[in-house]
Amino acid sequence: MQEPFEEEAGRSWWSRIKERLFGTDEEEETDGGTVIRLHTRPAQRVNVLYARSFEDARRAADGLKAGHQQLVNFQYAEARVRERVVDFLMGVVYALEGTVERVHEQVFLFAPANVQVEMTSVDDFHNGSWGERER
């Protein structure tokens, strides 16, 4: 079995990292013919975080930079800390061209650009159209 960052002949470090994060759809030549890899993306990850200090903002920002969604609950945070963390993470999401959604009064979803977030209203949930896209 190959180690995660073991050198592969003819492949750059960046190519290997990009493939691990985003998968690949490249064609590969073999002796028996052409093998086509379909999009083989790793499973999306959601980190759930109870923010209590600004250090938690840094952990969430690192997760966003790694391509993971951050569901941050500010239930136990002081108002001043909550404001600082939300402002900081909104800046991180802006820089990464991601999105921010307020899920509940004190719960936010911060998502990087590689994640599509679709929110529905409570009315949509109760009238049965929850999860349906507009056509």
N, C-alpha and C. Protein backbone atom coordinates (compact mmCIF):
# COMPACT_ATOMS: atom_id res chain seq x y z
N MET A 1 0.84 -1.19 0.00
CA MET A 1 0.00 0.00 0.00
C MET A 1 0.87 1.23 0.00
N GLN A 2 0.47 2.22 -0.73
CA GLN A 2 1.27 3.44 -0.88
C GLN A 2 0.99 4.41 0.27
N GLU A 3 2.04 5.05 0.76
CA GLU A 3 1.89 6.06 1.80
C GLU A 3 1.22 7.29 1.20
N PRO A 4 0.50 8.10 2.02
CA PRO A 4 -0.26 9.22 1.48
C PRO A 4 0.56 10.21 0.65
N PHE A 5 1.80 10.50 1.00
CA PHE A 5 2.57 11.48 0.27
C PHE A 5 3.82 10.88 -0.35
N GLU A 6 3.78 9.58 -0.59
CA GLU A 6 4.91 8.92 -1.22
C GLU A 6 5.03 9.40 -2.67
N GLU A 7 6.25 9.57 -3.14
CA GLU A 7 6.50 10.05 -4.50
C GLU A 7 5.92 9.09 -5.53
N GLU A 8 5.23 9.61 -6.50
CA GLU A 8 4.74 8.83 -7.62
C GLU A 8 5.46 9.34 -8.85
N ALA A 9 5.93 8.42 -9.65
CA ALA A 9 6.70 8.79 -10.85
C ALA A 9 5.87 9.65 -11.78
N GLY A 10 6.42 10.80 -12.18
CA GLY A 10 5.80 11.65 -13.17
C GLY A 10 4.63 12.49 -12.68
N ARG A 11 4.34 12.49 -11.40
CA ARG A 11 3.21 13.27 -10.87
C ARG A 11 3.72 14.28 -9.87
N SER A 12 3.28 15.50 -10.00
CA SER A 12 3.72 16.56 -9.09
C SER A 12 3.01 16.45 -7.75
N TRP A 13 3.60 17.10 -6.77
CA TRP A 13 3.01 17.13 -5.42
C TRP A 13 1.63 17.75 -5.48
N TRP A 14 1.48 18.87 -6.21
CA TRP A 14 0.20 19.55 -6.30
C TRP A 14 -0.85 18.66 -6.96
N SER A 15 -0.50 17.92 -8.00
CA SER A 15 -1.45 17.02 -8.67
C SER A 15 -1.97 15.97 -7.71
N ARG A 16 -1.08 15.44 -6.89
CA ARG A 16 -1.51 14.40 -5.94
C ARG A 16 -2.43 14.97 -4.86
N ILE A 17 -2.13 16.18 -4.37
CA ILE A 17 -2.98 16.82 -3.35
C ILE A 17 -4.34 17.14 -3.96
N LYS A 18 -4.33 17.72 -5.16
CA LYS A 18 -5.58 18.09 -5.83
C LYS A 18 -6.47 16.86 -6.06
N GLU A 19 -5.86 15.74 -6.45
CA GLU A 19 -6.63 14.53 -6.67
C GLU A 19 -7.24 14.02 -5.37
N ARG A 20 -6.50 14.11 -4.27
CA ARG A 20 -7.04 13.65 -2.99
C ARG A 20 -8.19 14.53 -2.51
N LEU A 21 -8.11 15.82 -2.76
CA LEU A 21 -9.16 16.73 -2.31
C LEU A 21 -10.38 16.74 -3.23
N PHE A 22 -10.14 16.76 -4.55
CA PHE A 22 -11.23 16.97 -5.49
C PHE A 22 -11.52 15.78 -6.39
N GLY A 23 -10.76 14.70 -6.26
CA GLY A 23 -10.97 13.56 -7.13
C GLY A 23 -10.37 13.83 -8.49
N THR A 24 -10.67 12.96 -9.43
CA THR A 24 -10.11 13.11 -10.77
C THR A 24 -11.09 12.62 -11.80
N ASP A 25 -10.94 13.12 -13.01
CA ASP A 25 -11.71 12.60 -14.13
C ASP A 25 -10.79 12.42 -15.33
N GLU A 26 -9.51 12.16 -15.04
CA GLU A 26 -8.51 12.01 -16.09
C GLU A 26 -8.57 10.63 -16.72
N GLU A 27 -8.07 10.55 -17.97
CA GLU A 27 -7.90 9.26 -18.60
C GLU A 27 -6.50 8.76 -18.28
N GLU A 28 -6.36 7.47 -18.16
CA GLU A 28 -5.08 6.87 -17.80
C GLU A 28 -4.75 5.76 -18.79
N GLU A 29 -3.57 5.79 -19.37
CA GLU A 29 -3.15 4.76 -20.32
C GLU A 29 -2.57 3.56 -19.57
N THR A 30 -2.97 2.37 -19.97
CA THR A 30 -2.41 1.15 -19.42
C THR A 30 -2.04 0.24 -20.58
N ASP A 31 -1.38 -0.87 -20.29
CA ASP A 31 -1.00 -1.81 -21.34
C ASP A 31 -2.22 -2.46 -21.99
N GLY A 32 -3.31 -2.59 -21.23
CA GLY A 32 -4.50 -3.25 -21.75
C GLY A 32 -5.46 -2.31 -22.45
N GLY A 33 -5.18 -1.03 -22.53
CA GLY A 33 -6.08 -0.08 -23.17
C GLY A 33 -6.20 1.18 -22.32
N THR A 34 -7.27 1.89 -22.53
CA THR A 34 -7.50 3.14 -21.81
C THR A 34 -8.46 2.91 -20.65
N VAL A 35 -8.10 3.41 -19.49
CA VAL A 35 -8.97 3.35 -18.32
C VAL A 35 -9.44 4.77 -18.06
N ILE A 36 -10.73 4.94 -17.93
CA ILE A 36 -11.27 6.27 -17.65
C ILE A 36 -11.75 6.30 -16.21
N ARG A 37 -11.21 7.24 -15.45
CA ARG A 37 -11.66 7.42 -14.07
C ARG A 37 -12.81 8.41 -14.06
N LEU A 38 -13.90 8.05 -13.45
CA LEU A 38 -15.00 8.98 -13.27
C LEU A 38 -14.70 9.83 -12.05
N HIS A 39 -15.50 10.85 -11.82
CA HIS A 39 -15.27 11.70 -10.66
C HIS A 39 -15.32 10.86 -9.40
N THR A 40 -14.20 10.71 -8.77
CA THR A 40 -14.12 9.95 -7.53
C THR A 40 -13.76 10.92 -6.42
N ARG A 41 -14.75 11.58 -5.90
CA ARG A 41 -14.53 12.60 -4.88
C ARG A 41 -14.66 11.97 -3.49
N PRO A 42 -13.82 12.43 -2.58
CA PRO A 42 -13.97 11.95 -1.21
C PRO A 42 -15.29 12.46 -0.63
N ALA A 43 -15.81 11.77 0.36
CA ALA A 43 -17.05 12.18 1.00
C ALA A 43 -16.90 13.57 1.61
N GLN A 44 -17.96 14.37 1.53
CA GLN A 44 -17.95 15.69 2.14
C GLN A 44 -17.98 15.53 3.66
N ARG A 45 -17.36 16.47 4.31
CA ARG A 45 -17.27 16.41 5.76
C ARG A 45 -17.88 17.66 6.36
N VAL A 46 -18.63 17.51 7.44
CA VAL A 46 -19.20 18.63 8.17
C VAL A 46 -18.65 18.58 9.59
N ASN A 47 -17.99 19.65 10.00
CA ASN A 47 -17.49 19.75 11.37
C ASN A 47 -18.52 20.51 12.19
N VAL A 48 -18.93 19.96 13.33
CA VAL A 48 -19.85 20.62 14.24
C VAL A 48 -19.02 21.14 15.41
N LEU A 49 -19.17 22.43 15.66
CA LEU A 49 -18.31 23.08 16.64
C LEU A 49 -19.14 23.94 17.58
N TYR A 50 -18.92 23.81 18.87
CA TYR A 50 -19.51 24.69 19.86
C TYR A 50 -18.47 25.74 20.18
N ALA A 51 -18.65 26.94 19.63
CA ALA A 51 -17.65 28.00 19.78
C ALA A 51 -17.79 28.66 21.15
N ARG A 52 -16.67 28.72 21.86
CA ARG A 52 -16.64 29.38 23.16
C ARG A 52 -15.55 30.45 23.23
N SER A 53 -14.58 30.35 22.30
CA SER A 53 -13.45 31.29 22.32
C SER A 53 -13.01 31.56 20.88
N PHE A 54 -12.13 32.56 20.74
CA PHE A 54 -11.64 32.90 19.41
C PHE A 54 -10.77 31.78 18.85
N GLU A 55 -10.18 30.95 19.69
CA GLU A 55 -9.39 29.80 19.22
C GLU A 55 -10.27 28.85 18.39
N ASP A 56 -11.54 28.75 18.76
CA ASP A 56 -12.47 27.92 17.99
C ASP A 56 -12.67 28.47 16.58
N ALA A 57 -12.57 29.79 16.42
CA ALA A 57 -12.69 30.40 15.09
C ALA A 57 -11.53 29.96 14.21
N ARG A 58 -10.36 29.88 14.78
CA ARG A 58 -9.21 29.44 14.00
C ARG A 58 -9.36 27.99 13.56
N ARG A 59 -9.86 27.14 14.45
CA ARG A 59 -10.08 25.74 14.08
C ARG A 59 -11.11 25.63 12.95
N ALA A 60 -12.18 26.43 13.04
CA ALA A 60 -13.20 26.42 11.98
C ALA A 60 -12.62 26.94 10.67
N ALA A 61 -11.80 27.98 10.73
CA ALA A 61 -11.17 28.53 9.52
C ALA A 61 -10.26 27.50 8.87
N ASP A 62 -9.50 26.77 9.68
CA ASP A 62 -8.64 25.71 9.14
C ASP A 62 -9.47 24.63 8.45
N GLY A 63 -10.61 24.29 9.04
CA GLY A 63 -11.51 23.32 8.41
C GLY A 63 -12.06 23.82 7.09
N LEU A 64 -12.43 25.10 7.04
CA LEU A 64 -12.92 25.68 5.79
C LEU A 64 -11.84 25.66 4.72
N LYS A 65 -10.63 26.01 5.09
CA LYS A 65 -9.52 25.99 4.13
C LYS A 65 -9.29 24.58 3.60
N ALA A 66 -9.59 23.57 4.41
CA ALA A 66 -9.43 22.18 3.99
C ALA A 66 -10.62 21.69 3.17
N GLY A 67 -11.64 22.56 2.99
CA GLY A 67 -12.79 22.20 2.17
C GLY A 67 -13.95 21.59 2.93
N HIS A 68 -13.95 21.71 4.27
CA HIS A 68 -15.01 21.12 5.09
C HIS A 68 -16.00 22.18 5.56
N GLN A 69 -17.27 21.82 5.56
CA GLN A 69 -18.30 22.69 6.07
C GLN A 69 -18.16 22.80 7.59
N GLN A 70 -18.53 23.96 8.12
CA GLN A 70 -18.45 24.18 9.56
C GLN A 70 -19.82 24.59 10.07
N LEU A 71 -20.41 23.76 10.91
CA LEU A 71 -21.67 24.09 11.56
C LEU A 71 -21.30 24.57 12.96
N VAL A 72 -21.44 25.87 13.20
CA VAL A 72 -20.94 26.46 14.45
C VAL A 72 -22.12 26.90 15.31
N ASN A 73 -22.14 26.37 16.55
CA ASN A 73 -23.18 26.69 17.52
C ASN A 73 -22.59 27.66 18.53
N PHE A 74 -23.22 28.82 18.66
CA PHE A 74 -22.74 29.85 19.58
C PHE A 74 -23.56 29.90 20.87
N GLN A 75 -24.27 28.85 21.17
CA GLN A 75 -25.14 28.80 22.34
C GLN A 75 -24.39 29.11 23.63
N TYR A 76 -23.16 28.66 23.75
CA TYR A 76 -22.41 28.83 24.99
C TYR A 76 -21.38 29.95 24.92
N ALA A 77 -21.42 30.74 23.85
CA ALA A 77 -20.43 31.82 23.68
C ALA A 77 -21.00 33.14 24.20
N GLU A 78 -20.12 33.96 24.74
CA GLU A 78 -20.51 35.31 25.14
C GLU A 78 -20.80 36.11 23.88
N ALA A 79 -21.64 37.12 23.98
CA ALA A 79 -22.05 37.90 22.83
C ALA A 79 -20.86 38.52 22.10
N ARG A 80 -19.90 39.04 22.84
CA ARG A 80 -18.72 39.67 22.23
C ARG A 80 -17.89 38.66 21.44
N VAL A 81 -17.69 37.48 22.02
CA VAL A 81 -16.94 36.42 21.32
C VAL A 81 -17.69 35.98 20.08
N ARG A 82 -19.00 35.82 20.21
CA ARG A 82 -19.83 35.40 19.06
C ARG A 82 -19.68 36.38 17.90
N GLU A 83 -19.76 37.68 18.19
CA GLU A 83 -19.63 38.68 17.13
C GLU A 83 -18.27 38.62 16.45
N ARG A 84 -17.21 38.49 17.24
CA ARG A 84 -15.86 38.43 16.67
C ARG A 84 -15.67 37.19 15.81
N VAL A 85 -16.14 36.04 16.30
CA VAL A 85 -15.97 34.79 15.57
C VAL A 85 -16.78 34.81 14.27
N VAL A 86 -18.03 35.28 14.33
CA VAL A 86 -18.85 35.35 13.12
C VAL A 86 -18.20 36.27 12.10
N ASP A 87 -17.75 37.45 12.53
CA ASP A 87 -17.09 38.38 11.61
C ASP A 87 -15.86 37.76 10.97
N PHE A 88 -15.05 37.10 11.79
CA PHE A 88 -13.83 36.47 11.29
C PHE A 88 -14.15 35.39 10.26
N LEU A 89 -15.09 34.50 10.61
CA LEU A 89 -15.42 33.39 9.71
C LEU A 89 -16.12 33.88 8.44
N MET A 90 -16.87 34.97 8.52
CA MET A 90 -17.46 35.54 7.31
C MET A 90 -16.36 36.05 6.39
N GLY A 91 -15.31 36.61 6.96
CA GLY A 91 -14.17 37.04 6.14
C GLY A 91 -13.47 35.87 5.49
N VAL A 92 -13.31 34.78 6.23
CA VAL A 92 -12.68 33.58 5.68
C VAL A 92 -13.52 33.03 4.53
N VAL A 93 -14.83 32.93 4.75
CA VAL A 93 -15.73 32.41 3.72
C VAL A 93 -15.72 33.31 2.49
N TYR A 94 -15.69 34.61 2.71
CA TYR A 94 -15.62 35.54 1.58
C TYR A 94 -14.34 35.31 0.77
N ALA A 95 -13.23 35.17 1.46
CA ALA A 95 -11.95 34.94 0.77
C ALA A 95 -11.96 33.62 0.00
N LEU A 96 -12.67 32.63 0.51
CA LEU A 96 -12.74 31.32 -0.15
C LEU A 96 -13.90 31.23 -1.14
N GLU A 97 -14.63 32.34 -1.30
CA GLU A 97 -15.80 32.40 -2.19
C GLU A 97 -16.86 31.38 -1.82
N GLY A 98 -17.05 31.19 -0.51
CA GLY A 98 -18.04 30.25 -0.01
C GLY A 98 -19.34 30.94 0.36
N THR A 99 -20.11 30.28 1.24
CA THR A 99 -21.40 30.82 1.66
C THR A 99 -21.57 30.70 3.17
N VAL A 100 -22.43 31.55 3.70
CA VAL A 100 -22.79 31.52 5.12
C VAL A 100 -24.30 31.49 5.20
N GLU A 101 -24.83 30.61 6.03
CA GLU A 101 -26.28 30.55 6.25
C GLU A 101 -26.54 30.51 7.75
N ARG A 102 -27.50 31.28 8.18
CA ARG A 102 -27.93 31.23 9.58
C ARG A 102 -28.98 30.13 9.67
N VAL A 103 -28.64 29.08 10.41
CA VAL A 103 -29.52 27.92 10.52
C VAL A 103 -30.53 28.11 11.64
N HIS A 104 -30.10 28.74 12.70
CA HIS A 104 -30.92 29.01 13.87
C HIS A 104 -30.41 30.30 14.49
N GLU A 105 -31.06 30.76 15.50
CA GLU A 105 -30.67 32.03 16.12
C GLU A 105 -29.18 32.09 16.46
N GLN A 106 -28.63 31.00 16.98
CA GLN A 106 -27.22 30.99 17.39
C GLN A 106 -26.41 29.90 16.68
N VAL A 107 -26.88 29.45 15.53
CA VAL A 107 -26.19 28.40 14.77
C VAL A 107 -26.00 28.87 13.33
N PHE A 108 -24.75 28.80 12.86
CA PHE A 108 -24.41 29.22 11.50
C PHE A 108 -23.74 28.07 10.76
N LEU A 109 -24.00 28.01 9.45
CA LEU A 109 -23.32 27.07 8.58
C LEU A 109 -22.38 27.87 7.69
N PHE A 110 -21.09 27.60 7.80
CA PHE A 110 -20.07 28.22 6.97
C PHE A 110 -19.60 27.15 5.99
N ALA A 111 -19.68 27.45 4.69
CA ALA A 111 -19.34 26.44 3.69
C ALA A 111 -18.35 27.00 2.68
N PRO A 112 -17.34 26.21 2.31
CA PRO A 112 -16.40 26.64 1.27
C PRO A 112 -17.07 26.61 -0.10
N ALA A 113 -16.37 27.10 -1.11
CA ALA A 113 -16.93 27.22 -2.46
C ALA A 113 -17.30 25.88 -3.08
N ASN A 114 -16.67 24.79 -2.66
CA ASN A 114 -16.94 23.49 -3.27
C ASN A 114 -18.22 22.84 -2.74
N VAL A 115 -18.96 23.55 -1.89
CA VAL A 115 -20.19 23.01 -1.30
C VAL A 115 -21.37 23.89 -1.69
N GLN A 116 -22.41 23.29 -2.21
CA GLN A 116 -23.62 24.03 -2.56
C GLN A 116 -24.60 23.89 -1.40
N VAL A 117 -25.06 25.01 -0.87
CA VAL A 117 -25.99 25.01 0.26
C VAL A 117 -27.35 25.47 -0.25
N GLU A 118 -28.37 24.68 0.03
CA GLU A 118 -29.74 25.04 -0.33
C GLU A 118 -30.55 25.10 0.96
N MET A 119 -31.11 26.27 1.22
CA MET A 119 -31.92 26.46 2.42
C MET A 119 -33.39 26.55 2.01
N THR A 120 -34.25 25.97 2.83
CA THR A 120 -35.69 26.10 2.62
C THR A 120 -36.28 26.80 3.83
N SER A 121 -37.41 27.38 3.66
CA SER A 121 -38.07 28.06 4.78
C SER A 121 -38.87 27.05 5.60
N VAL A 122 -39.28 27.47 6.77
CA VAL A 122 -40.10 26.62 7.63
C VAL A 122 -41.42 26.32 6.92
N ASP A 123 -41.95 27.30 6.20
CA ASP A 123 -43.20 27.09 5.47
C ASP A 123 -43.05 25.99 4.43
N ASP A 124 -41.91 25.98 3.71
CA ASP A 124 -41.67 24.93 2.73
C ASP A 124 -41.63 23.56 3.40
N PHE A 125 -41.05 23.50 4.58
CA PHE A 125 -40.96 22.24 5.30
C PHE A 125 -42.35 21.74 5.67
N HIS A 126 -43.17 22.64 6.20
CA HIS A 126 -44.50 22.23 6.67
C HIS A 126 -45.48 21.94 5.54
N ASN A 127 -45.32 22.58 4.38
CA ASN A 127 -46.27 22.31 3.29
C ASN A 127 -45.80 21.20 2.35
N GLY A 128 -44.71 20.52 2.70
CA GLY A 128 -44.30 19.34 1.95
C GLY A 128 -43.36 19.59 0.78
N SER A 129 -42.97 20.84 0.55
CA SER A 129 -42.07 21.10 -0.58
C SER A 129 -40.62 21.18 -0.13
N TRP A 130 -40.34 20.73 1.07
CA TRP A 130 -38.97 20.74 1.60
C TRP A 130 -38.07 19.84 0.75
N GLY A 131 -36.92 20.37 0.37
CA GLY A 131 -35.95 19.60 -0.40
C GLY A 131 -36.16 19.63 -1.89
N GLU A 132 -37.24 20.27 -2.36
CA GLU A 132 -37.50 20.35 -3.79
C GLU A 132 -36.84 21.60 -4.34
N ARG A 133 -36.21 21.48 -5.49
CA ARG A 133 -35.62 22.64 -6.16
C ARG A 133 -36.67 23.32 -7.01
N GLU A 134 -36.51 24.63 -7.15
CA GLU A 134 -37.39 25.37 -8.05
C GLU A 134 -37.06 24.96 -9.47
N ARG A 135 -38.07 24.80 -10.28
CA ARG A 135 -37.83 24.36 -11.67
C ARG A 135 -38.16 25.47 -12.61
